[in-house]
């Protein structure tokens, strides 16, 4: 399959490229820079110059492919709502090219979109349109494209990690370094799901190959690591004390990260593992945080 991959030089996308190539697929990798083009070419991928803002570049990339993995996202959280809307427009553009064919479009979202309510893990078969996370715009766009005849499926991500990056844990490291304390909200019992980046890349490939319209996948290896435990490891690694902050103090301490810091994001991947035979084998989040060079 010729696969158009957005975000091909990013943290996850750069791992999806070799995963696809090793499975015998061809990769058309999107990049905005000459440096990115050099890395893609060296990896064995075809280079496609484009950006999320340039919808024509997205359309032309999709037009030359048998399937699309949309892994790109602008992670500037100071403009999070605007970036979620940008993702919605990108999904609509990609879908407009694939409409009426069976060519798969695999988009990206977060496990929180499957929230089943307090005390229950996020579930693949649930889409919580009232979730406060504006990333719901991505799945709303995907549903709209599905209704128009596009073969859309969704990859929902937890905290994707290695020893360099760990999703939303990475900004927590920077906040702890800047504040001189490693903080958690309340008693720190809220949880973050996680998976190693190589396991996530493999699931993207498996989901694309399955090409099931309307399917949702949870790239979750660990259902939920308590926030306090994460804060303890960050404090140890940075050499700063541990601190609990109240929900009322969270905004002042965490800034934009306050919207996530106290959320219980527990999520299951039981249905994903059963449906596609995915078995995560990579290191745990705790192992990577213990090995990280702070």
C-alpha atoms as a PDB file:
ATOM      1  CA  UNK A   1       0.000   0.000   0.000  1.00  0.00           C
ATOM      2  CA  UNK A   2       1.171   3.534  -0.777  1.00  0.00           C
ATOM      3  CA  UNK A   3       0.582   5.384   2.481  1.00  0.00           C
ATOM      4  CA  UNK A   4       0.473   9.162   2.817  1.00  0.00           C
ATOM      5  CA  UNK A   5       1.674   9.977   6.331  1.00  0.00           C
ATOM      6  CA  UNK A   6       1.240  13.428   7.847  1.00  0.00           C
ATOM      7  CA  UNK A   7       3.505  14.189  10.796  1.00  0.00           C
ATOM      8  CA  UNK A   8       6.067  11.845   9.254  1.00  0.00           C
ATOM      9  CA  UNK A   9       9.041  13.518  10.947  1.00  0.00           C
ATOM     10  CA  UNK A  10       7.377  13.914  14.338  1.00  0.00           C
ATOM     11  CA  UNK A  11       7.855  11.924  17.522  1.00  0.00           C
ATOM     12  CA  UNK A  12       5.347   9.209  16.590  1.00  0.00           C
ATOM     13  CA  UNK A  13       5.381   9.621  12.812  1.00  0.00           C
ATOM     14  CA  UNK A  14       9.129   9.030  12.614  1.00  0.00           C
ATOM     15  CA  UNK A  15       8.498   5.608  14.214  1.00  0.00           C
ATOM     16  CA  UNK A  16       5.546   4.844  11.945  1.00  0.00           C
ATOM     17  CA  UNK A  17       7.725   5.297   8.838  1.00  0.00           C
ATOM     18  CA  UNK A  18      10.036   2.299   9.471  1.00  0.00           C
ATOM     19  CA  UNK A  19       7.111   0.257  10.809  1.00  0.00           C
ATOM     20  CA  UNK A  20       5.291   0.660   7.492  1.00  0.00           C
ATOM     21  CA  UNK A  21       8.384   0.164   5.350  1.00  0.00           C
ATOM     22  CA  UNK A  22       9.400  -3.020   7.148  1.00  0.00           C
ATOM     23  CA  UNK A  23       5.909  -4.405   6.525  1.00  0.00           C
ATOM     24  CA  UNK A  24       6.310  -3.850   2.776  1.00  0.00           C
ATOM     25  CA  UNK A  25       4.364  -0.618   2.376  1.00  0.00           C
ATOM     26  CA  UNK A  26       5.548   2.505   0.566  1.00  0.00           C
ATOM     27  CA  UNK A  27       5.500   5.760   2.517  1.00  0.00           C
ATOM     28  CA  UNK A  28       4.842   9.265   1.247  1.00  0.00           C
ATOM     29  CA  UNK A  29       5.967  11.356   4.198  1.00  0.00           C
ATOM     30  CA  UNK A  30       4.838  14.953   4.625  1.00  0.00           C
ATOM     31  CA  UNK A  31       7.326  17.518   5.884  1.00  0.00           C
ATOM     32  CA  UNK A  32       7.647  21.281   5.876  1.00  0.00           C
ATOM     33  CA  UNK A  33      11.453  21.480   5.921  1.00  0.00           C
ATOM     34  CA  UNK A  34      14.513  20.468   3.940  1.00  0.00           C
ATOM     35  CA  UNK A  35      15.913  18.846   7.073  1.00  0.00           C
ATOM     36  CA  UNK A  36      12.783  16.741   7.385  1.00  0.00           C
ATOM     37  CA  UNK A  37      12.988  15.816   3.717  1.00  0.00           C
ATOM     38  CA  UNK A  38      16.547  14.594   4.174  1.00  0.00           C
ATOM     39  CA  UNK A  39      15.532  12.428   7.132  1.00  0.00           C
ATOM     40  CA  UNK A  40      12.591  10.933   5.249  1.00  0.00           C
ATOM     41  CA  UNK A  41      14.682  10.181   2.183  1.00  0.00           C
ATOM     42  CA  UNK A  42      17.359   8.562   4.335  1.00  0.00           C
ATOM     43  CA  UNK A  43      14.695   6.364   5.935  1.00  0.00           C
ATOM     44  CA  UNK A  44      13.480   5.221   2.520  1.00  0.00           C
ATOM     45  CA  UNK A  45      10.304   7.292   2.257  1.00  0.00           C
ATOM     46  CA  UNK A  46       9.091   9.461  -0.606  1.00  0.00           C
ATOM     47  CA  UNK A  47       9.070  13.144   0.339  1.00  0.00           C
ATOM     48  CA  UNK A  48       5.987  15.341   0.104  1.00  0.00           C
ATOM     49  CA  UNK A  49       6.295  18.993   1.103  1.00  0.00           C
ATOM     50  CA  UNK A  50       3.260  20.377   2.887  1.00  0.00           C
ATOM     51  CA  UNK A  51       1.740  21.762   6.086  1.00  0.00           C
ATOM     52  CA  UNK A  52      -1.491  21.439   8.030  1.00  0.00           C
ATOM     53  CA  UNK A  53      -2.368  24.988   7.024  1.00  0.00           C
ATOM     54  CA  UNK A  54      -1.912  24.240   3.305  1.00  0.00           C
ATOM     55  CA  UNK A  55      -5.008  22.171   2.574  1.00  0.00           C
ATOM     56  CA  UNK A  56      -4.046  21.781  -1.086  1.00  0.00           C
ATOM     57  CA  UNK A  57      -0.830  20.046  -0.043  1.00  0.00           C
ATOM     58  CA  UNK A  58      -2.851  17.641   2.084  1.00  0.00           C
ATOM     59  CA  UNK A  59      -5.216  16.900  -0.767  1.00  0.00           C
ATOM     60  CA  UNK A  60      -2.454  16.282  -3.293  1.00  0.00           C
ATOM     61  CA  UNK A  61      -0.671  13.940  -0.917  1.00  0.00           C
ATOM     62  CA  UNK A  62      -3.830  11.933  -0.281  1.00  0.00           C
ATOM     63  CA  UNK A  63      -4.664  11.808  -3.980  1.00  0.00           C
ATOM     64  CA  UNK A  64      -1.448   9.883  -4.701  1.00  0.00           C
ATOM     65  CA  UNK A  65      -1.955   7.298  -1.944  1.00  0.00           C
ATOM     66  CA  UNK A  66      -3.828   4.062  -1.318  1.00  0.00           C
ATOM     67  CA  UNK A  67      -4.369   5.075   2.289  1.00  0.00           C
ATOM     68  CA  UNK A  68      -3.689   7.931   4.704  1.00  0.00           C
ATOM     69  CA  UNK A  69      -2.430   8.082   8.279  1.00  0.00           C
ATOM     70  CA  UNK A  70      -3.013  11.538   9.728  1.00  0.00           C
ATOM     71  CA  UNK A  71      -0.598  11.739  12.659  1.00  0.00           C
ATOM     72  CA  UNK A  72       0.302  15.432  12.463  1.00  0.00           C
ATOM     73  CA  UNK A  73      -0.946  17.847  15.119  1.00  0.00           C
ATOM     74  CA  UNK A  74       0.197  21.291  16.231  1.00  0.00           C
ATOM     75  CA  UNK A  75       1.096  20.791  19.910  1.00  0.00           C
ATOM     76  CA  UNK A  76       1.322  24.483  20.816  1.00  0.00           C
ATOM     77  CA  UNK A  77      -1.101  24.254  23.736  1.00  0.00           C
ATOM     78  CA  UNK A  78      -1.215  28.020  24.142  1.00  0.00           C
ATOM     79  CA  UNK A  79      -3.431  27.895  21.016  1.00  0.00           C
ATOM     80  CA  UNK A  80      -4.994  24.508  21.703  1.00  0.00           C
ATOM     81  CA  UNK A  81      -8.569  25.295  20.623  1.00  0.00           C
ATOM     82  CA  UNK A  82      -7.384  26.904  17.385  1.00  0.00           C
ATOM     83  CA  UNK A  83      -5.113  23.941  16.692  1.00  0.00           C
ATOM     84  CA  UNK A  84      -7.977  21.508  17.217  1.00  0.00           C
ATOM     85  CA  UNK A  85      -9.980  23.470  14.666  1.00  0.00           C
ATOM     86  CA  UNK A  86      -6.998  23.338  12.311  1.00  0.00           C
ATOM     87  CA  UNK A  87      -7.004  19.570  12.699  1.00  0.00           C
ATOM     88  CA  UNK A  88     -10.701  19.459  11.888  1.00  0.00           C
ATOM     89  CA  UNK A  89     -10.094  21.337   8.621  1.00  0.00           C
ATOM     90  CA  UNK A  90      -7.206  19.010   7.753  1.00  0.00           C
ATOM     91  CA  UNK A  91      -9.384  15.925   8.284  1.00  0.00           C
ATOM     92  CA  UNK A  92     -12.123  17.417   6.117  1.00  0.00           C
ATOM     93  CA  UNK A  93      -9.596  18.135   3.356  1.00  0.00           C
ATOM     94  CA  UNK A  94      -8.138  14.623   3.446  1.00  0.00           C
ATOM     95  CA  UNK A  95     -11.609  13.111   3.519  1.00  0.00           C
ATOM     96  CA  UNK A  96     -12.737  15.125   0.515  1.00  0.00           C
ATOM     97  CA  UNK A  97     -10.137  13.351  -1.607  1.00  0.00           C
ATOM     98  CA  UNK A  98     -10.916   9.846  -0.328  1.00  0.00           C
ATOM     99  CA  UNK A  99     -14.720  10.136  -0.397  1.00  0.00           C
ATOM    100  CA  UNK A 100     -16.440   7.390  -2.336  1.00  0.00           C
ATOM    101  CA  UNK A 101     -13.472   5.025  -2.284  1.00  0.00           C
ATOM    102  CA  UNK A 102     -12.448   2.300   0.130  1.00  0.00           C
ATOM    103  CA  UNK A 103      -9.047   3.929   0.702  1.00  0.00           C
ATOM    104  CA  UNK A 104      -8.590   4.184   4.484  1.00  0.00           C
ATOM    105  CA  UNK A 105      -8.115   7.410   6.431  1.00  0.00           C
ATOM    106  CA  UNK A 106      -6.750   6.799   9.934  1.00  0.00           C
ATOM    107  CA  UNK A 107      -7.008   9.954  12.042  1.00  0.00           C
ATOM    108  CA  UNK A 108      -5.670  10.699  15.524  1.00  0.00           C
ATOM    109  CA  UNK A 109      -7.444  11.670  18.751  1.00  0.00           C
ATOM    110  CA  UNK A 110      -7.043  11.140  22.498  1.00  0.00           C
ATOM    111  CA  UNK A 111      -8.262   8.387  24.786  1.00  0.00           C
ATOM    112  CA  UNK A 112     -10.265  10.938  26.772  1.00  0.00           C
ATOM    113  CA  UNK A 113     -12.807  11.021  23.954  1.00  0.00           C
ATOM    114  CA  UNK A 114     -13.923   7.569  25.087  1.00  0.00           C
ATOM    115  CA  UNK A 115     -14.670   8.659  28.655  1.00  0.00           C
ATOM    116  CA  UNK A 116     -17.409   6.508  30.161  1.00  0.00           C
ATOM    117  CA  UNK A 117     -17.880   8.669  33.261  1.00  0.00           C
ATOM    118  CA  UNK A 118     -16.292   8.892  36.730  1.00  0.00           C
ATOM    119  CA  UNK A 119     -14.642   5.691  37.912  1.00  0.00           C
ATOM    120  CA  UNK A 120     -14.860   3.957  34.528  1.00  0.00           C
ATOM    121  CA  UNK A 121     -12.072   3.525  31.981  1.00  0.00           C
ATOM    122  CA  UNK A 122     -12.323   5.220  28.599  1.00  0.00           C
ATOM    123  CA  UNK A 123     -13.748   2.724  26.107  1.00  0.00           C
ATOM    124  CA  UNK A 124     -13.232   2.321  22.366  1.00  0.00           C
ATOM    125  CA  UNK A 125     -16.963   2.037  21.687  1.00  0.00           C
ATOM    126  CA  UNK A 126     -17.761   5.382  23.342  1.00  0.00           C
ATOM    127  CA  UNK A 127     -17.361   8.849  21.862  1.00  0.00           C
ATOM    128  CA  UNK A 128     -18.053  11.461  24.523  1.00  0.00           C
ATOM    129  CA  UNK A 129     -18.960  14.547  22.478  1.00  0.00           C
ATOM    130  CA  UNK A 130     -19.405  16.555  25.693  1.00  0.00           C
ATOM    131  CA  UNK A 131     -15.831  15.927  26.847  1.00  0.00           C
ATOM    132  CA  UNK A 132     -14.218  19.278  27.775  1.00  0.00           C
ATOM    133  CA  UNK A 133     -11.140  18.514  25.681  1.00  0.00           C
ATOM    134  CA  UNK A 134     -11.503  20.515  22.422  1.00  0.00           C
ATOM    135  CA  UNK A 135      -9.709  17.661  20.617  1.00  0.00           C
ATOM    136  CA  UNK A 136     -13.221  16.269  20.151  1.00  0.00           C
ATOM    137  CA  UNK A 137     -13.251  18.376  16.970  1.00  0.00           C
ATOM    138  CA  UNK A 138     -11.058  15.740  15.313  1.00  0.00           C
ATOM    139  CA  UNK A 139     -13.499  12.908  15.924  1.00  0.00           C
ATOM    140  CA  UNK A 140     -16.518  15.049  15.079  1.00  0.00           C
ATOM    141  CA  UNK A 141     -14.869  15.753  11.718  1.00  0.00           C
ATOM    142  CA  UNK A 142     -14.092  12.062  11.303  1.00  0.00           C
ATOM    143  CA  UNK A 143     -17.725  11.119  11.974  1.00  0.00           C
ATOM    144  CA  UNK A 144     -18.882  13.670   9.412  1.00  0.00           C
ATOM    145  CA  UNK A 145     -16.520  12.213   6.824  1.00  0.00           C
ATOM    146  CA  UNK A 146     -17.682   8.684   7.669  1.00  0.00           C
ATOM    147  CA  UNK A 147     -21.271   9.726   6.958  1.00  0.00           C
ATOM    148  CA  UNK A 148     -20.109  11.047   3.573  1.00  0.00           C
ATOM    149  CA  UNK A 149     -18.683   7.697   2.577  1.00  0.00           C
ATOM    150  CA  UNK A 150     -15.060   8.027   3.707  1.00  0.00           C
ATOM    151  CA  UNK A 151     -13.407   4.941   5.226  1.00  0.00           C
ATOM    152  CA  UNK A 152     -12.412   6.683   8.470  1.00  0.00           C
ATOM    153  CA  UNK A 153     -11.056   5.071  11.626  1.00  0.00           C
ATOM    154  CA  UNK A 154      -9.585   6.679  14.748  1.00  0.00           C
ATOM    155  CA  UNK A 155      -6.398   6.118  16.732  1.00  0.00           C
ATOM    156  CA  UNK A 156      -6.749   7.427  20.274  1.00  0.00           C
ATOM    157  CA  UNK A 157      -3.489   8.165  22.035  1.00  0.00           C
ATOM    158  CA  UNK A 158      -2.521   8.086  25.722  1.00  0.00           C
ATOM    159  CA  UNK A 159       0.823   9.477  26.990  1.00  0.00           C
ATOM    160  CA  UNK A 160       3.165   8.139  24.306  1.00  0.00           C
ATOM    161  CA  UNK A 161       6.683   7.785  25.658  1.00  0.00           C
ATOM    162  CA  UNK A 162      10.317   6.840  25.406  1.00  0.00           C
ATOM    163  CA  UNK A 163      13.204   8.164  27.499  1.00  0.00           C
ATOM    164  CA  UNK A 164      13.077  11.573  25.788  1.00  0.00           C
ATOM    165  CA  UNK A 165       9.360  12.408  25.565  1.00  0.00           C
ATOM    166  CA  UNK A 166       6.258  11.302  27.438  1.00  0.00           C
ATOM    167  CA  UNK A 167       3.215  13.125  26.070  1.00  0.00           C
ATOM    168  CA  UNK A 168       1.725  15.452  28.689  1.00  0.00           C
ATOM    169  CA  UNK A 169       4.325  14.297  31.200  1.00  0.00           C
ATOM    170  CA  UNK A 170       6.977  16.244  29.266  1.00  0.00           C
ATOM    171  CA  UNK A 171       5.447  19.657  30.072  1.00  0.00           C
ATOM    172  CA  UNK A 172       5.059  18.533  33.683  1.00  0.00           C
ATOM    173  CA  UNK A 173       8.833  18.089  33.763  1.00  0.00           C
ATOM    174  CA  UNK A 174       9.332  21.646  32.516  1.00  0.00           C
ATOM    175  CA  UNK A 175       6.826  23.050  35.016  1.00  0.00           C
ATOM    176  CA  UNK A 176       8.499  21.200  37.892  1.00  0.00           C
ATOM    177  CA  UNK A 177      11.901  22.467  36.785  1.00  0.00           C
ATOM    178  CA  UNK A 178      10.640  26.059  36.553  1.00  0.00           C
ATOM    179  CA  UNK A 179       8.660  25.997  39.822  1.00  0.00           C
ATOM    180  CA  UNK A 180      11.210  24.072  41.856  1.00  0.00           C
ATOM    181  CA  UNK A 181       8.593  21.552  43.024  1.00  0.00           C
ATOM    182  CA  UNK A 182       7.001  18.495  41.451  1.00  0.00           C
ATOM    183  CA  UNK A 183       3.276  18.915  42.001  1.00  0.00           C
ATOM    184  CA  UNK A 184       0.107  16.886  41.658  1.00  0.00           C
ATOM    185  CA  UNK A 185      -3.534  17.859  42.217  1.00  0.00           C
ATOM    186  CA  UNK A 186      -5.298  16.805  45.415  1.00  0.00           C
ATOM    187  CA  UNK A 187      -4.257  13.330  46.529  1.00  0.00           C
ATOM    188  CA  UNK A 188      -2.765  12.550  43.116  1.00  0.00           C
ATOM    189  CA  UNK A 189      -4.941   9.483  42.582  1.00  0.00           C
ATOM    190  CA  UNK A 190      -6.007  10.584  39.099  1.00  0.00           C
ATOM    191  CA  UNK A 191      -4.405   8.459  36.411  1.00  0.00           C
ATOM    192  CA  UNK A 192      -2.634   8.815  33.073  1.00  0.00           C
ATOM    193  CA  UNK A 193      -2.723   5.955  30.527  1.00  0.00           C
ATOM    194  CA  UNK A 194       0.476   5.310  28.576  1.00  0.00           C
ATOM    195  CA  UNK A 195       2.203   3.317  25.829  1.00  0.00           C
ATOM    196  CA  UNK A 196       5.707   3.132  24.417  1.00  0.00           C
ATOM    197  CA  UNK A 197       6.118   4.872  21.070  1.00  0.00           C
ATOM    198  CA  UNK A 198       7.193   1.700  19.244  1.00  0.00           C
ATOM    199  CA  UNK A 199       4.039  -0.109  20.363  1.00  0.00           C
ATOM    200  CA  UNK A 200       1.947   2.841  19.207  1.00  0.00           C
ATOM    201  CA  UNK A 201       3.623   2.880  15.780  1.00  0.00           C
ATOM    202  CA  UNK A 202       2.882  -0.822  15.352  1.00  0.00           C
ATOM    203  CA  UNK A 203      -0.780  -0.284  16.210  1.00  0.00           C
ATOM    204  CA  UNK A 204      -1.075   2.473  13.597  1.00  0.00           C
ATOM    205  CA  UNK A 205       0.110  -0.027  10.976  1.00  0.00           C
ATOM    206  CA  UNK A 206      -2.222  -2.773  12.162  1.00  0.00           C
ATOM    207  CA  UNK A 207      -5.204  -0.406  12.208  1.00  0.00           C
ATOM    208  CA  UNK A 208      -4.449   0.891   8.714  1.00  0.00           C
ATOM    209  CA  UNK A 209      -4.141  -2.634   7.360  1.00  0.00           C
ATOM    210  CA  UNK A 210      -7.434  -3.614   8.998  1.00  0.00           C
ATOM    211  CA  UNK A 211      -9.164  -0.612   7.374  1.00  0.00           C
ATOM    212  CA  UNK A 212     -12.445  -0.933   9.262  1.00  0.00           C
ATOM    213  CA  UNK A 213     -14.742   2.075   8.720  1.00  0.00           C
ATOM    214  CA  UNK A 214     -15.788   3.685  11.992  1.00  0.00           C
ATOM    215  CA  UNK A 215     -13.393   1.678  14.170  1.00  0.00           C
ATOM    216  CA  UNK A 216     -11.738   3.304  17.168  1.00  0.00           C
ATOM    217  CA  UNK A 217      -8.497   2.042  18.664  1.00  0.00           C
ATOM    218  CA  UNK A 218      -6.904   2.772  22.027  1.00  0.00           C
ATOM    219  CA  UNK A 219      -3.102   2.701  21.906  1.00  0.00           C
ATOM    220  CA  UNK A 220      -2.943   1.922  25.617  1.00  0.00           C
ATOM    221  CA  UNK A 221      -0.370  -0.400  27.155  1.00  0.00           C
ATOM    222  CA  UNK A 222      -0.927   0.768  30.767  1.00  0.00           C
ATOM    223  CA  UNK A 223      -4.441   1.747  31.740  1.00  0.00           C
ATOM    224  CA  UNK A 224      -3.519   4.327  34.351  1.00  0.00           C
ATOM    225  CA  UNK A 225      -0.464   5.427  36.302  1.00  0.00           C
ATOM    226  CA  UNK A 226      -1.339   7.623  39.339  1.00  0.00           C
ATOM    227  CA  UNK A 227      -0.338  11.272  39.026  1.00  0.00           C
ATOM    228  CA  UNK A 228       1.321  11.207  42.438  1.00  0.00           C
ATOM    229  CA  UNK A 229       3.595   8.343  41.366  1.00  0.00           C
ATOM    230  CA  UNK A 230       4.585  10.274  38.255  1.00  0.00           C
ATOM    231  CA  UNK A 231       5.232  13.404  40.321  1.00  0.00           C
ATOM    232  CA  UNK A 232       7.405  11.394  42.715  1.00  0.00           C
ATOM    233  CA  UNK A 233       9.606  10.183  39.860  1.00  0.00           C
ATOM    234  CA  UNK A 234       9.886  13.663  38.351  1.00  0.00           C
ATOM    235  CA  UNK A 235      10.806  15.104  41.733  1.00  0.00           C
ATOM    236  CA  UNK A 236      13.473  12.454  42.233  1.00  0.00           C
ATOM    237  CA  UNK A 237      14.887  12.945  38.750  1.00  0.00           C
ATOM    238  CA  UNK A 238      14.973  16.743  39.053  1.00  0.00           C
ATOM    239  CA  UNK A 239      16.016  16.817  42.685  1.00  0.00           C
ATOM    240  CA  UNK A 240      13.004  18.916  43.743  1.00  0.00           C
ATOM    241  CA  UNK A 241      10.428  18.320  46.521  1.00  0.00           C
ATOM    242  CA  UNK A 242       6.976  16.849  46.050  1.00  0.00           C
ATOM    243  CA  UNK A 243       3.903  19.042  46.563  1.00  0.00           C
ATOM    244  CA  UNK A 244       0.135  18.670  46.480  1.00  0.00           C
ATOM    245  CA  UNK A 245      -1.848  21.607  45.110  1.00  0.00           C
ATOM    246  CA  UNK A 246      -5.599  22.015  45.518  1.00  0.00           C
ATOM    247  CA  UNK A 247      -7.884  22.126  42.468  1.00  0.00           C
ATOM    248  CA  UNK A 248      -8.302  25.856  43.129  1.00  0.00           C
ATOM    249  CA  UNK A 249      -4.519  26.346  42.980  1.00  0.00           C
ATOM    250  CA  UNK A 250      -4.013  24.206  39.863  1.00  0.00           C
ATOM    251  CA  UNK A 251      -4.464  26.980  37.288  1.00  0.00           C
ATOM    252  CA  UNK A 252      -1.880  29.219  38.948  1.00  0.00           C
ATOM    253  CA  UNK A 253       0.638  26.404  39.307  1.00  0.00           C
ATOM    254  CA  UNK A 254       0.205  24.472  36.047  1.00  0.00           C
ATOM    255  CA  UNK A 255      -0.980  27.173  33.634  1.00  0.00           C
ATOM    256  CA  UNK A 256      -2.489  25.644  30.468  1.00  0.00           C
ATOM    257  CA  UNK A 257      -1.610  22.186  31.788  1.00  0.00           C
ATOM    258  CA  UNK A 258      -4.170  22.635  34.596  1.00  0.00           C
ATOM    259  CA  UNK A 259      -6.921  21.360  32.265  1.00  0.00           C
ATOM    260  CA  UNK A 260      -5.186  17.962  32.236  1.00  0.00           C
ATOM    261  CA  UNK A 261      -3.239  17.823  35.504  1.00  0.00           C
ATOM    262  CA  UNK A 262      -6.184  16.797  37.669  1.00  0.00           C
ATOM    263  CA  UNK A 263      -8.114  14.698  35.149  1.00  0.00           C
ATOM    264  CA  UNK A 264      -8.555  10.993  35.741  1.00  0.00           C
ATOM    265  CA  UNK A 265      -7.750   9.756  32.223  1.00  0.00           C
ATOM    266  CA  UNK A 266      -7.884   6.020  32.928  1.00  0.00           C
ATOM    267  CA  UNK A 267      -8.386   4.122  29.644  1.00  0.00           C
ATOM    268  CA  UNK A 268      -8.705   0.521  28.469  1.00  0.00           C
ATOM    269  CA  UNK A 269      -7.411  -1.103  25.284  1.00  0.00           C
ATOM    270  CA  UNK A 270      -8.991  -4.515  25.856  1.00  0.00           C
ATOM    271  CA  UNK A 271     -11.193  -4.277  22.760  1.00  0.00           C
ATOM    272  CA  UNK A 272      -8.350  -2.970  20.620  1.00  0.00           C
ATOM    273  CA  UNK A 273      -6.095  -5.836  21.635  1.00  0.00           C
ATOM    274  CA  UNK A 274      -8.821  -8.377  20.951  1.00  0.00           C
ATOM    275  CA  UNK A 275      -9.802  -6.926  17.575  1.00  0.00           C
ATOM    276  CA  UNK A 276      -6.370  -6.461  16.001  1.00  0.00           C
ATOM    277  CA  UNK A 277      -4.168  -8.835  17.987  1.00  0.00           C
ATOM    278  CA  UNK A 278      -2.003  -5.988  19.273  1.00  0.00           C
ATOM    279  CA  UNK A 279       0.135  -6.859  22.286  1.00  0.00           C
ATOM    280  CA  UNK A 280       2.287  -4.015  23.645  1.00  0.00           C
ATOM    281  CA  UNK A 281       5.790  -5.136  24.602  1.00  0.00           C
ATOM    282  CA  UNK A 282       7.733  -1.888  25.087  1.00  0.00           C
ATOM    283  CA  UNK A 283       9.065  -0.426  28.356  1.00  0.00           C
ATOM    284  CA  UNK A 284       6.601   1.021  30.871  1.00  0.00           C
ATOM    285  CA  UNK A 285       6.198   4.752  31.476  1.00  0.00           C
ATOM    286  CA  UNK A 286       7.777   4.341  34.906  1.00  0.00           C
ATOM    287  CA  UNK A 287      10.792   2.547  33.386  1.00  0.00           C
ATOM    288  CA  UNK A 288      11.312   5.323  30.848  1.00  0.00           C
ATOM    289  CA  UNK A 289      10.971   8.054  33.489  1.00  0.00           C
ATOM    290  CA  UNK A 290      13.526   6.250  35.649  1.00  0.00           C
ATOM    291  CA  UNK A 291      15.956   6.044  32.713  1.00  0.00           C
ATOM    292  CA  UNK A 292      15.414   9.615  31.493  1.00  0.00           C
ATOM    293  CA  UNK A 293      18.281  12.091  31.630  1.00  0.00           C
ATOM    294  CA  UNK A 294      16.777  15.027  33.515  1.00  0.00           C
END
